[in-house]
PDB file of all heavy atoms in Angstrom:
ATOM      1  N   LEU A   1      -6.565 244.196 102.756  1.00  0.00           N
ATOM      2  CA  LEU A   1      -7.093 244.942 101.621  1.00  0.00           C
ATOM      3  C   LEU A   1      -8.613 244.878 101.676  1.00  0.00           C
ATOM      4  O   LEU A   1      -9.182 243.866 102.108  1.00  0.00           O
ATOM      5  CB  LEU A   1      -6.589 244.364 100.298  1.00  0.00           C
ATOM      6  CG  LEU A   1      -5.069 244.323 100.104  1.00  0.00           C
ATOM      7  CD1 LEU A   1      -4.718 243.642  98.791  1.00  0.00           C
ATOM      8  CD2 LEU A   1      -4.482 245.721 100.154  1.00  0.00           C
ATOM      9  N   ILE A   2      -9.262 245.948 101.241  1.00  0.00           N
ATOM     10  CA  ILE A   2     -10.727 246.005 101.261  1.00  0.00           C
ATOM     11  C   ILE A   2     -11.217 246.432  99.887  1.00  0.00           C
ATOM     12  O   ILE A   2     -10.720 247.414  99.318  1.00  0.00           O
ATOM     13  CB  ILE A   2     -11.236 246.985 102.340  1.00  0.00           C
ATOM     14  CG1 ILE A   2     -10.750 246.552 103.714  1.00  0.00           C
ATOM     15  CG2 ILE A   2     -12.758 247.067 102.314  1.00  0.00           C
ATOM     16  CD1 ILE A   2     -11.093 247.506 104.822  1.00  0.00           C
ATOM     17  N   VAL A   3     -12.209 245.704  99.356  1.00  0.00           N
ATOM     18  CA  VAL A   3     -12.793 246.007  98.055  1.00  0.00           C
ATOM     19  C   VAL A   3     -14.151 246.672  98.269  1.00  0.00           C
ATOM     20  O   VAL A   3     -14.972 246.186  99.054  1.00  0.00           O
ATOM     21  CB  VAL A   3     -12.979 244.727  97.213  1.00  0.00           C
ATOM     22  CG1 VAL A   3     -13.600 245.052  95.863  1.00  0.00           C
ATOM     23  CG2 VAL A   3     -11.651 243.991  97.035  1.00  0.00           C
ATOM     24  N   TYR A   4     -14.351 247.796  97.573  1.00  0.00           N
ATOM     25  CA  TYR A   4     -15.618 248.526  97.615  1.00  0.00           C
ATOM     26  C   TYR A   4     -16.153 248.706  96.197  1.00  0.00           C
ATOM     27  O   TYR A   4     -15.395 249.108  95.316  1.00  0.00           O
ATOM     28  CB  TYR A   4     -15.431 249.933  98.200  1.00  0.00           C
ATOM     29  CG  TYR A   4     -15.083 249.988  99.655  1.00  0.00           C
ATOM     30  CD1 TYR A   4     -13.758 250.121 100.051  1.00  0.00           C
ATOM     31  CD2 TYR A   4     -16.065 249.942 100.627  1.00  0.00           C
ATOM     32  CE1 TYR A   4     -13.425 250.194 101.396  1.00  0.00           C
ATOM     33  CE2 TYR A   4     -15.739 250.014 101.971  1.00  0.00           C
ATOM     34  CZ  TYR A   4     -14.417 250.142 102.341  1.00  0.00           C
ATOM     35  OH  TYR A   4     -14.092 250.208 103.669  1.00  0.00           O
ATOM     36  N   PRO A   5     -17.456 248.455  95.972  1.00  0.00           N
ATOM     37  CA  PRO A   5     -18.030 248.810  94.675  1.00  0.00           C
ATOM     38  C   PRO A   5     -18.151 250.330  94.578  1.00  0.00           C
ATOM     39  O   PRO A   5     -18.499 250.994  95.558  1.00  0.00           O
ATOM     40  CB  PRO A   5     -19.401 248.137  94.672  1.00  0.00           C
ATOM     41  CG  PRO A   5     -19.714 247.865  96.104  1.00  0.00           C
ATOM     42  CD  PRO A   5     -18.417 247.798  96.846  1.00  0.00           C
ATOM     43  N   ASP A   6     -17.826 250.897  93.409  1.00  0.00           N
ATOM     44  CA  ASP A   6     -17.932 252.339  93.198  1.00  0.00           C
ATOM     45  C   ASP A   6     -19.237 252.707  92.499  1.00  0.00           C
ATOM     46  O   ASP A   6     -19.653 253.859  92.526  1.00  0.00           O
ATOM     47  CB  ASP A   6     -16.764 252.839  92.346  1.00  0.00           C
ATOM     48  CG  ASP A   6     -15.428 252.661  93.045  1.00  0.00           C
ATOM     49  OD1 ASP A   6     -15.376 252.764  94.282  1.00  0.00           O
ATOM     50  OD2 ASP A   6     -14.428 252.417  92.341  1.00  0.00           O
ATOM     51  N   LYS A   7     -19.858 251.729  91.858  1.00  0.00           N
ATOM     52  CA  LYS A   7     -21.056 251.974  91.058  1.00  0.00           C
ATOM     53  C   LYS A   7     -21.706 250.622  90.778  1.00  0.00           C
ATOM     54  O   LYS A   7     -21.057 249.590  90.918  1.00  0.00           O
ATOM     55  CB  LYS A   7     -20.626 252.661  89.748  1.00  0.00           C
ATOM     56  CG  LYS A   7     -21.730 253.201  88.885  1.00  0.00           C
ATOM     57  CD  LYS A   7     -21.110 253.930  87.688  1.00  0.00           C
ATOM     58  CE  LYS A   7     -22.178 254.380  86.730  1.00  0.00           C
ATOM     59  NZ  LYS A   7     -21.610 255.024  85.548  1.00  0.00           N
ATOM     60  N   TYR A   8     -22.963 250.628  90.407  1.00  0.00           N
ATOM     61  CA  TYR A   8     -23.734 249.451  89.971  1.00  0.00           C
ATOM     62  C   TYR A   8     -24.184 248.527  91.091  1.00  0.00           C
ATOM     63  O   TYR A   8     -25.195 247.867  90.967  1.00  0.00           O
ATOM     64  CB  TYR A   8     -22.976 248.604  88.931  1.00  0.00           C
ATOM     65  CG  TYR A   8     -22.526 249.353  87.716  1.00  0.00           C
ATOM     66  CD1 TYR A   8     -21.191 249.508  87.427  1.00  0.00           C
ATOM     67  CD2 TYR A   8     -23.449 249.929  86.851  1.00  0.00           C
ATOM     68  CE1 TYR A   8     -20.767 250.200  86.309  1.00  0.00           C
ATOM     69  CE2 TYR A   8     -23.049 250.626  85.732  1.00  0.00           C
ATOM     70  CZ  TYR A   8     -21.700 250.755  85.459  1.00  0.00           C
ATOM     71  OH  TYR A   8     -21.289 251.440  84.358  1.00  0.00           O
ATOM     72  N   GLN A   9     -23.443 248.410  92.172  1.00  0.00           N
ATOM     73  CA  GLN A   9     -23.818 247.511  93.261  1.00  0.00           C
ATOM     74  C   GLN A   9     -24.005 248.296  94.549  1.00  0.00           C
ATOM     75  O   GLN A   9     -23.494 249.404  94.700  1.00  0.00           O
ATOM     76  CB  GLN A   9     -22.753 246.436  93.464  1.00  0.00           C
ATOM     77  CG  GLN A   9     -22.605 245.487  92.297  1.00  0.00           C
ATOM     78  CD  GLN A   9     -21.563 244.411  92.566  1.00  0.00           C
ATOM     79  OE1 GLN A   9     -20.936 244.374  93.612  1.00  0.00           O
ATOM     80  NE2 GLN A   9     -21.386 243.523  91.607  1.00  0.00           N
ATOM     81  N   THR A  10     -24.729 247.683  95.487  1.00  0.00           N
ATOM     82  CA  THR A  10     -24.943 248.289  96.797  1.00  0.00           C
ATOM     83  C   THR A  10     -23.611 248.472  97.500  1.00  0.00           C
ATOM     84  O   THR A  10     -22.749 247.593  97.457  1.00  0.00           O
ATOM     85  CB  THR A  10     -25.850 247.380  97.645  1.00  0.00           C
ATOM     86  OG1 THR A  10     -27.071 247.158  96.936  1.00  0.00           O
ATOM     87  CG2 THR A  10     -26.155 248.008  98.990  1.00  0.00           C
ATOM     88  N   ALA A  11     -23.452 249.613  98.151  1.00  0.00           N
ATOM     89  CA  ALA A  11     -22.211 249.889  98.879  1.00  0.00           C
ATOM     90  C   ALA A  11     -21.991 248.837  99.955  1.00  0.00           C
ATOM     91  O   ALA A  11     -22.883 248.552 100.753  1.00  0.00           O
ATOM     92  CB  ALA A  11     -22.255 251.281  99.495  1.00  0.00           C
ATOM     93  N   SER A  12     -20.817 248.248  99.944  1.00  0.00           N
ATOM     94  CA  SER A  12     -20.441 247.241 100.937  1.00  0.00           C
ATOM     95  C   SER A  12     -18.926 247.125 100.922  1.00  0.00           C
ATOM     96  O   SER A  12     -18.268 247.564  99.990  1.00  0.00           O
ATOM     97  CB  SER A  12     -21.072 245.885 100.610  1.00  0.00           C
ATOM     98  OG  SER A  12     -20.591 245.415  99.357  1.00  0.00           O
ATOM     99  N   ALA A  13     -18.391 246.521 101.959  1.00  0.00           N
ATOM    100  CA  ALA A  13     -16.948 246.305 102.039  1.00  0.00           C
ATOM    101  C   ALA A  13     -16.673 244.809 102.070  1.00  0.00           C
ATOM    102  O   ALA A  13     -17.320 244.074 102.813  1.00  0.00           O
ATOM    103  CB  ALA A  13     -16.389 246.958 103.298  1.00  0.00           C
ATOM    104  N   THR A  14     -15.730 244.370 101.242  1.00  0.00           N
ATOM    105  CA  THR A  14     -15.314 242.973 101.249  1.00  0.00           C
ATOM    106  C   THR A  14     -13.843 242.935 101.650  1.00  0.00           C
ATOM    107  O   THR A  14     -12.971 243.331 100.872  1.00  0.00           O
ATOM    108  CB  THR A  14     -15.498 242.333  99.858  1.00  0.00           C
ATOM    109  OG1 THR A  14     -16.857 242.510  99.439  1.00  0.00           O
ATOM    110  CG2 THR A  14     -15.166 240.855  99.894  1.00  0.00           C
ATOM    111  N   PRO A  15     -13.561 242.500 102.892  1.00  0.00           N
ATOM    112  CA  PRO A  15     -12.174 242.501 103.375  1.00  0.00           C
ATOM    113  C   PRO A  15     -11.416 241.238 102.960  1.00  0.00           C
ATOM    114  O   PRO A  15     -12.000 240.166 102.817  1.00  0.00           O
ATOM    115  CB  PRO A  15     -12.346 242.553 104.891  1.00  0.00           C
ATOM    116  CG  PRO A  15     -13.640 241.862 105.133  1.00  0.00           C
ATOM    117  CD  PRO A  15     -14.508 242.151 103.936  1.00  0.00           C
ATOM    118  N   PHE A  16     -10.108 241.394 102.785  1.00  0.00           N
ATOM    119  CA  PHE A  16      -9.213 240.280 102.477  1.00  0.00           C
ATOM    120  C   PHE A  16      -7.938 240.455 103.287  1.00  0.00           C
ATOM    121  O   PHE A  16      -7.454 241.569 103.438  1.00  0.00           O
ATOM    122  CB  PHE A  16      -8.831 240.259 100.991  1.00  0.00           C
ATOM    123  CG  PHE A  16      -9.972 239.951 100.076  1.00  0.00           C
ATOM    124  CD1 PHE A  16     -10.755 240.971  99.555  1.00  0.00           C
ATOM    125  CD2 PHE A  16     -10.256 238.641  99.714  1.00  0.00           C
ATOM    126  CE1 PHE A  16     -11.805 240.698  98.707  1.00  0.00           C
ATOM    127  CE2 PHE A  16     -11.313 238.364  98.855  1.00  0.00           C
ATOM    128  CZ  PHE A  16     -12.084 239.390  98.358  1.00  0.00           C
ATOM    129  N   THR A  17      -7.398 239.357 103.781  1.00  0.00           N
ATOM    130  CA  THR A  17      -6.057 239.354 104.356  1.00  0.00           C
ATOM    131  C   THR A  17      -5.197 238.554 103.396  1.00  0.00           C
ATOM    132  O   THR A  17      -5.471 237.376 103.135  1.00  0.00           O
ATOM    133  CB  THR A  17      -6.027 238.722 105.758  1.00  0.00           C
ATOM    134  OG1 THR A  17      -6.872 239.502 106.612  1.00  0.00           O
ATOM    135  CG2 THR A  17      -4.611 238.699 106.309  1.00  0.00           C
ATOM    136  N   VAL A  18      -4.180 239.204 102.863  1.00  0.00           N
ATOM    137  CA  VAL A  18      -3.322 238.578 101.860  1.00  0.00           C
ATOM    138  C   VAL A  18      -1.955 238.341 102.487  1.00  0.00           C
ATOM    139  O   VAL A  18      -1.241 239.284 102.816  1.00  0.00           O
ATOM    140  CB  VAL A  18      -3.197 239.460 100.602  1.00  0.00           C
ATOM    141  CG1 VAL A  18      -2.395 238.734  99.518  1.00  0.00           C
ATOM    142  CG2 VAL A  18      -4.568 239.861 100.071  1.00  0.00           C
ATOM    143  N   THR A  19      -1.615 237.079 102.674  1.00  0.00           N
ATOM    144  CA  THR A  19      -0.315 236.737 103.228  1.00  0.00           C
ATOM    145  C   THR A  19       0.690 236.580 102.094  1.00  0.00           C
ATOM    146  O   THR A  19       0.315 236.435 100.926  1.00  0.00           O
ATOM    147  CB  THR A  19      -0.389 235.443 104.056  1.00  0.00           C
ATOM    148  OG1 THR A  19      -0.872 234.393 103.220  1.00  0.00           O
ATOM    149  CG2 THR A  19      -1.307 235.606 105.249  1.00  0.00           C
ATOM    150  N   ARG A  20       1.951 236.595 102.435  1.00  0.00           N
ATOM    151  CA  ARG A  20       3.007 236.464 101.428  1.00  0.00           C
ATOM    152  C   ARG A  20       2.831 235.169 100.641  1.00  0.00           C
ATOM    153  O   ARG A  20       2.718 234.087 101.209  1.00  0.00           O
ATOM    154  CB  ARG A  20       4.376 236.486 102.106  1.00  0.00           C
ATOM    155  CG  ARG A  20       5.518 236.397 101.121  1.00  0.00           C
ATOM    156  CD  ARG A  20       6.867 236.360 101.840  1.00  0.00           C
ATOM    157  NE  ARG A  20       7.925 236.276 100.865  1.00  0.00           N
ATOM    158  CZ  ARG A  20       8.764 237.268 100.607  1.00  0.00           C
ATOM    159  NH1 ARG A  20       8.682 238.390 101.262  1.00  0.00           N
ATOM    160  NH2 ARG A  20       9.696 237.119  99.701  1.00  0.00           N
ATOM    161  N   GLY A  21       2.797 235.296  99.333  1.00  0.00           N
ATOM    162  CA  GLY A  21       2.728 234.128  98.459  1.00  0.00           C
ATOM    163  C   GLY A  21       1.364 233.489  98.346  1.00  0.00           C
ATOM    164  O   GLY A  21       1.221 232.464  97.684  1.00  0.00           O
ATOM    165  N   ALA A  22       0.326 234.038  98.974  1.00  0.00           N
ATOM    166  CA  ALA A  22      -1.010 233.450  98.907  1.00  0.00           C
ATOM    167  C   ALA A  22      -1.976 234.483  98.310  1.00  0.00           C
ATOM    168  O   ALA A  22      -2.538 235.297  99.015  1.00  0.00           O
ATOM    169  CB  ALA A  22      -1.479 233.019 100.290  1.00  0.00           C
ATOM    170  N   ASP A  23      -2.116 234.451  96.996  1.00  0.00           N
ATOM    171  CA  ASP A  23      -2.997 235.407  96.321  1.00  0.00           C
ATOM    172  C   ASP A  23      -4.451 235.210  96.726  1.00  0.00           C
ATOM    173  O   ASP A  23      -4.880 234.096  97.037  1.00  0.00           O
ATOM    174  CB  ASP A  23      -2.897 235.252  94.799  1.00  0.00           C
ATOM    175  CG  ASP A  23      -1.532 235.621  94.257  1.00  0.00           C
ATOM    176  OD1 ASP A  23      -0.700 236.147  95.023  1.00  0.00           O
ATOM    177  OD2 ASP A  23      -1.300 235.379  93.064  1.00  0.00           O
ATOM    178  N   LYS A  24      -5.192 236.311  96.711  1.00  0.00           N
ATOM    179  CA  LYS A  24      -6.641 236.286  96.940  1.00  0.00           C
ATOM    180  C   LYS A  24      -7.297 236.870  95.696  1.00  0.00           C
ATOM    181  O   LYS A  24      -6.714 237.705  94.996  1.00  0.00           O
ATOM    182  CB  LYS A  24      -7.030 237.129  98.164  1.00  0.00           C
ATOM    183  CG  LYS A  24      -6.425 236.679  99.462  1.00  0.00           C
ATOM    184  CD  LYS A  24      -7.075 235.428  99.978  1.00  0.00           C
ATOM    185  CE  LYS A  24      -6.478 235.069 101.333  1.00  0.00           C
ATOM    186  NZ  LYS A  24      -7.270 234.141 102.062  1.00  0.00           N
ATOM    187  N   THR A  25      -8.540 236.443  95.423  1.00  0.00           N
ATOM    188  CA  THR A  25      -9.247 236.974  94.257  1.00  0.00           C
ATOM    189  C   THR A  25     -10.624 237.491  94.655  1.00  0.00           C
ATOM    190  O   THR A  25     -11.239 237.008  95.611  1.00  0.00           O
ATOM    191  CB  THR A  25      -9.421 235.918  93.152  1.00  0.00           C
ATOM    192  OG1 THR A  25     -10.143 234.807  93.674  1.00  0.00           O
ATOM    193  CG2 THR A  25      -8.076 235.466  92.601  1.00  0.00           C
ATOM    194  N   TYR A  26     -11.046 238.481  93.908  1.00  0.00           N
ATOM    195  CA  TYR A  26     -12.376 239.071  94.045  1.00  0.00           C
ATOM    196  C   TYR A  26     -12.948 239.113  92.636  1.00  0.00           C
ATOM    197  O   TYR A  26     -12.293 239.612  91.714  1.00  0.00           O
ATOM    198  CB  TYR A  26     -12.283 240.481  94.625  1.00  0.00           C
ATOM    199  CG  TYR A  26     -13.574 241.260  94.570  1.00  0.00           C
ATOM    200  CD1 TYR A  26     -14.548 241.110  95.540  1.00  0.00           C
ATOM    201  CD2 TYR A  26     -13.829 242.145  93.522  1.00  0.00           C
ATOM    202  CE1 TYR A  26     -15.729 241.826  95.494  1.00  0.00           C
ATOM    203  CE2 TYR A  26     -15.011 242.875  93.470  1.00  0.00           C
ATOM    204  CZ  TYR A  26     -15.961 242.709  94.453  1.00  0.00           C
ATOM    205  OH  TYR A  26     -17.134 243.403  94.397  1.00  0.00           O
ATOM    206  N   THR A  27     -14.165 238.577  92.457  1.00  0.00           N
ATOM    207  CA  THR A  27     -14.767 238.535  91.124  1.00  0.00           C
ATOM    208  C   THR A  27     -16.036 239.365  91.076  1.00  0.00           C
ATOM    209  O   THR A  27     -16.930 239.202  91.906  1.00  0.00           O
ATOM    210  CB  THR A  27     -15.067 237.080  90.697  1.00  0.00           C
ATOM    211  OG1 THR A  27     -13.839 236.344  90.705  1.00  0.00           O
ATOM    212  CG2 THR A  27     -15.676 237.031  89.312  1.00  0.00           C
ATOM    213  N   TRP A  28     -16.086 240.248  90.109  1.00  0.00           N
ATOM    214  CA  TRP A  28     -17.246 241.095  89.838  1.00  0.00           C
ATOM    215  C   TRP A  28     -17.973 240.480  88.656  1.00  0.00           C
ATOM    216  O   TRP A  28     -17.378 240.243  87.607  1.00  0.00           O
ATOM    217  CB  TRP A  28     -16.766 242.494  89.467  1.00  0.00           C
ATOM    218  CG  TRP A  28     -17.827 243.457  89.075  1.00  0.00           C
ATOM    219  CD1 TRP A  28     -18.557 243.456  87.913  1.00  0.00           C
ATOM    220  CD2 TRP A  28     -18.285 244.582  89.817  1.00  0.00           C
ATOM    221  NE1 TRP A  28     -19.425 244.513  87.887  1.00  0.00           N
ATOM    222  CE2 TRP A  28     -19.278 245.223  89.046  1.00  0.00           C
ATOM    223  CE3 TRP A  28     -17.945 245.126  91.045  1.00  0.00           C
ATOM    224  CZ2 TRP A  28     -19.936 246.363  89.481  1.00  0.00           C
ATOM    225  CZ3 TRP A  28     -18.592 246.258  91.475  1.00  0.00           C
ATOM    226  CH2 TRP A  28     -19.580 246.864  90.697  1.00  0.00           C
ATOM    227  N   THR A  29     -19.267 240.200  88.824  1.00  0.00           N
ATOM    228  CA  THR A  29     -20.083 239.713  87.720  1.00  0.00           C
ATOM    229  C   THR A  29     -20.947 240.856  87.234  1.00  0.00           C
ATOM    230  O   THR A  29     -21.756 241.406  87.990  1.00  0.00           O
ATOM    231  CB  THR A  29     -20.957 238.518  88.170  1.00  0.00           C
ATOM    232  OG1 THR A  29     -20.096 237.480  88.660  1.00  0.00           O
ATOM    233  CG2 THR A  29     -21.777 237.990  87.008  1.00  0.00           C
ATOM    234  N   ALA A  30     -20.752 241.239  85.981  1.00  0.00           N
ATOM    235  CA  ALA A  30     -21.472 242.381  85.413  1.00  0.00           C
ATOM    236  C   ALA A  30     -22.856 241.950  84.942  1.00  0.00           C
ATOM    237  O   ALA A  30     -23.042 240.841  84.450  1.00  0.00           O
ATOM    238  CB  ALA A  30     -20.682 242.973  84.250  1.00  0.00           C
ATOM    239  N   ALA A  31     -23.830 242.844  85.101  1.00  0.00           N
ATOM    240  CA  ALA A  31     -25.212 242.568  84.703  1.00  0.00           C
ATOM    241  C   ALA A  31     -25.532 243.282  83.394  1.00  0.00           C
ATOM    242  O   ALA A  31     -25.113 244.420  83.177  1.00  0.00           O
ATOM    243  CB  ALA A  31     -26.175 243.023  85.791  1.00  0.00           C
ATOM    244  N   GLN A  32     -26.299 242.625  82.558  1.00  0.00           N
ATOM    245  CA  GLN A  32     -26.686 243.218  81.276  1.00  0.00           C
ATOM    246  C   GLN A  32     -27.459 244.521  81.495  1.00  0.00           C
ATOM    247  O   GLN A  32     -27.334 245.459  80.721  1.00  0.00           O
ATOM    248  CB  GLN A  32     -27.509 242.244  80.450  1.00  0.00           C
ATOM    249  CG  GLN A  32     -27.822 242.782  79.065  1.00  0.00           C
ATOM    250  CD  GLN A  32     -28.527 241.752  78.198  1.00  0.00           C
ATOM    251  OE1 GLN A  32     -28.933 240.698  78.667  1.00  0.00           O
ATOM    252  NE2 GLN A  32     -28.670 242.063  76.939  1.00  0.00           N
ATOM    253  N   ALA A  33     -28.207 244.597  82.579  1.00  0.00           N
ATOM    254  CA  ALA A  33     -28.971 245.805  82.876  1.00  0.00           C
ATOM    255  C   ALA A  33     -28.053 247.017  83.040  1.00  0.00           C
ATOM    256  O   ALA A  33     -28.469 248.155  82.834  1.00  0.00           O
ATOM    257  CB  ALA A  33     -29.792 245.609  84.146  1.00  0.00           C
ATOM    258  N   ASP A  34     -26.811 246.769  83.399  1.00  0.00           N
ATOM    259  CA  ASP A  34     -25.830 247.838  83.572  1.00  0.00           C
ATOM    260  C   ASP A  34     -24.890 247.937  82.375  1.00  0.00           C
ATOM    261  O   ASP A  34     -23.772 248.430  82.489  1.00  0.00           O
ATOM    262  CB  ASP A  34     -25.007 247.600  84.838  1.00  0.00           C
ATOM    263  CG  ASP A  34     -25.853 247.629  86.093  1.00  0.00           C
ATOM    264  OD1 ASP A  34     -26.760 248.459  86.175  1.00  0.00           O
ATOM    265  OD2 ASP A  34     -25.613 246.799  86.978  1.00  0.00           O
ATOM    266  N   SER A  35     -25.323 247.451  81.206  1.00  0.00           N
ATOM    267  CA  SER A  35     -24.487 247.435  80.000  1.00  0.00           C
ATOM    268  C   SER A  35     -23.164 246.724  80.260  1.00  0.00           C
ATOM    269  O   SER A  35     -22.136 247.087  79.708  1.00  0.00           O
ATOM    270  CB  SER A  35     -24.222 248.863  79.505  1.00  0.00           C
ATOM    271  OG  SER A  35     -25.416 249.498  79.196  1.00  0.00           O
ATOM    272  N   TYR A  36     -23.202 245.726  81.127  1.00  0.00           N
ATOM    273  CA  TYR A  36     -22.024 244.963  81.512  1.00  0.00           C
ATOM    274  C   TYR A  36     -20.947 245.855  82.118  1.00  0.00           C
ATOM    275  O   TYR A  36     -19.758 245.647  81.922  1.00  0.00           O
ATOM    276  CB  TYR A  36     -21.473 244.156  80.332  1.00  0.00           C
ATOM    277  CG  TYR A  36     -22.485 243.165  79.795  1.00  0.00           C
ATOM    278  CD1 TYR A  36     -23.033 243.305  78.523  1.00  0.00           C
ATOM    279  CD2 TYR A  36     -22.904 242.099  80.585  1.00  0.00           C
ATOM    280  CE1 TYR A  36     -23.965 242.409  78.038  1.00  0.00           C
ATOM    281  CE2 TYR A  36     -23.845 241.199  80.104  1.00  0.00           C
ATOM    282  CZ  TYR A  36     -24.371 241.365  78.837  1.00  0.00           C
ATOM    283  OH  TYR A  36     -25.304 240.476  78.358  1.00  0.00           O
TER     284      TYR A  36
END
């Protein structure tokens, strides 16, 4: 799976390999400048 920002952050790809039963997480931290 690949995560891409659609807005607010510089375009980049964050890849993940998710195996059965092993969850992965991606955390977005919102900035006040972007109205969160």
